[in-house]
Protein backbone atom coordinates (compact mmCIF):
# COMPACT_ATOMS: atom_id res chain seq x y z
CA UNK A 1 66.11 123.46 84.24
CA UNK A 2 65.14 121.97 80.90
CA UNK A 3 61.38 121.85 80.24
CA UNK A 4 60.14 118.26 80.52
CA UNK A 5 63.33 117.02 82.16
CA UNK A 6 63.22 115.34 85.57
CA UNK A 7 64.54 117.29 88.53
CA UNK A 8 67.02 115.93 91.02
CA UNK A 9 69.26 112.99 90.27
CA UNK A 10 71.56 113.70 87.30
CA UNK A 11 71.31 110.04 86.25
CA UNK A 12 67.58 110.50 85.66
CA UNK A 13 68.35 113.60 83.65
CA UNK A 14 70.90 111.72 81.52
CA UNK A 15 68.34 108.97 80.89
CA UNK A 16 65.84 111.62 79.87
CA UNK A 17 68.38 113.15 77.46
CA UNK A 18 69.05 109.77 75.87
CA UNK A 19 65.29 109.21 75.58
CA UNK A 20 64.97 112.63 73.91
CA UNK A 21 67.66 111.55 71.46
CA UNK A 22 65.72 108.37 70.72
CA UNK A 23 62.59 110.47 70.18
CA UNK A 24 64.49 112.50 67.59
CA UNK A 25 65.09 109.32 65.61
CA UNK A 26 61.50 108.19 66.07
CA UNK A 27 60.10 111.48 64.78
CA UNK A 28 62.32 111.77 61.71
CA UNK A 29 60.33 113.32 58.92
CA UNK A 30 59.40 116.62 60.49
CA UNK A 31 56.61 115.45 62.78
CA UNK A 32 58.45 116.84 65.78
CA UNK A 33 61.85 118.50 66.22
CA UNK A 34 63.58 117.74 69.53
CA UNK A 35 66.85 119.53 68.70
CA UNK A 36 66.20 122.45 71.10
CA UNK A 37 65.47 120.01 73.95
CA UNK A 38 68.64 118.08 73.18
CA UNK A 39 70.65 121.31 73.14
CA UNK A 40 69.17 122.29 76.50
CA UNK A 41 69.97 118.85 77.92
CA UNK A 42 73.53 119.06 76.58
CA UNK A 43 73.99 122.47 78.22
CA UNK A 44 72.95 120.99 81.57
CA UNK A 45 75.32 117.99 81.34
CA UNK A 46 78.83 117.87 82.74
CA UNK A 47 81.74 117.28 80.37
CA UNK A 48 81.99 113.67 81.56
CA UNK A 49 78.27 113.12 80.96
CA UNK A 50 78.58 114.61 77.48
CA UNK A 51 81.51 112.35 76.65
CA UNK A 52 79.56 109.31 77.88
CA UNK A 53 76.47 110.27 75.89
CA UNK A 54 78.54 110.94 72.74
CA UNK A 55 80.19 107.53 73.03
CA UNK A 56 76.81 105.82 73.54
CA UNK A 57 75.28 107.65 70.57
CA UNK A 58 78.28 106.76 68.42
CA UNK A 59 77.95 103.09 69.33
CA UNK A 60 74.22 103.13 68.57
CA UNK A 61 74.84 104.93 65.29
CA UNK A 62 77.25 102.16 64.25
CA UNK A 63 74.70 99.48 65.23
CA UNK A 64 72.08 101.18 63.08
CA UNK A 65 74.45 101.42 60.13
CA UNK A 66 75.36 97.75 60.43
CA UNK A 67 71.64 96.92 60.56
CA UNK A 68 71.11 98.94 57.39
CA UNK A 69 69.02 101.69 58.95
CA UNK A 70 70.90 104.66 57.53
CA UNK A 71 68.01 107.11 58.05
CA UNK A 72 67.93 106.47 61.79
CA UNK A 73 71.74 106.53 61.95
CA UNK A 74 71.78 109.88 60.16
CA UNK A 75 69.22 111.31 62.60
CA UNK A 76 71.30 110.08 65.52
CA UNK A 77 74.36 111.67 63.96
CA UNK A 78 72.57 115.03 64.18
CA UNK A 79 71.95 114.48 67.88
CA UNK A 80 75.57 113.51 68.39
CA UNK A 81 76.64 116.68 66.56
CA UNK A 82 74.66 118.84 69.01
CA UNK A 83 76.46 117.19 71.94
CA UNK A 84 79.86 117.44 70.24
CA UNK A 85 79.28 121.12 69.48
CA UNK A 86 78.39 121.80 73.10
CA UNK A 87 81.49 120.03 74.37
CA UNK A 88 83.75 121.72 71.83
CA UNK A 89 82.31 125.12 72.72
CA UNK A 90 83.17 124.61 76.38
CA UNK A 91 86.75 123.66 75.58
CA UNK A 92 87.53 126.79 73.59
């Protein structure tokens, strides 16, 4: 179990993981680092959930870039990298 994550329904957990990713963007600048929580959430996700989350993060990253918010897009890219690394590690 990931500290702070909801127990039970995996859909709630996935929503929590996405919220944690959003918090990473919101706390850019060193106020708070959520990378360990995102890594823990990624470890608890199924491959399908990881793929869905990666696609959603990629879409949001593109929206942020189009809107001109490159700092937030860059922070989201870091979150996406954690998920991609987890998925890649499982497939080796």
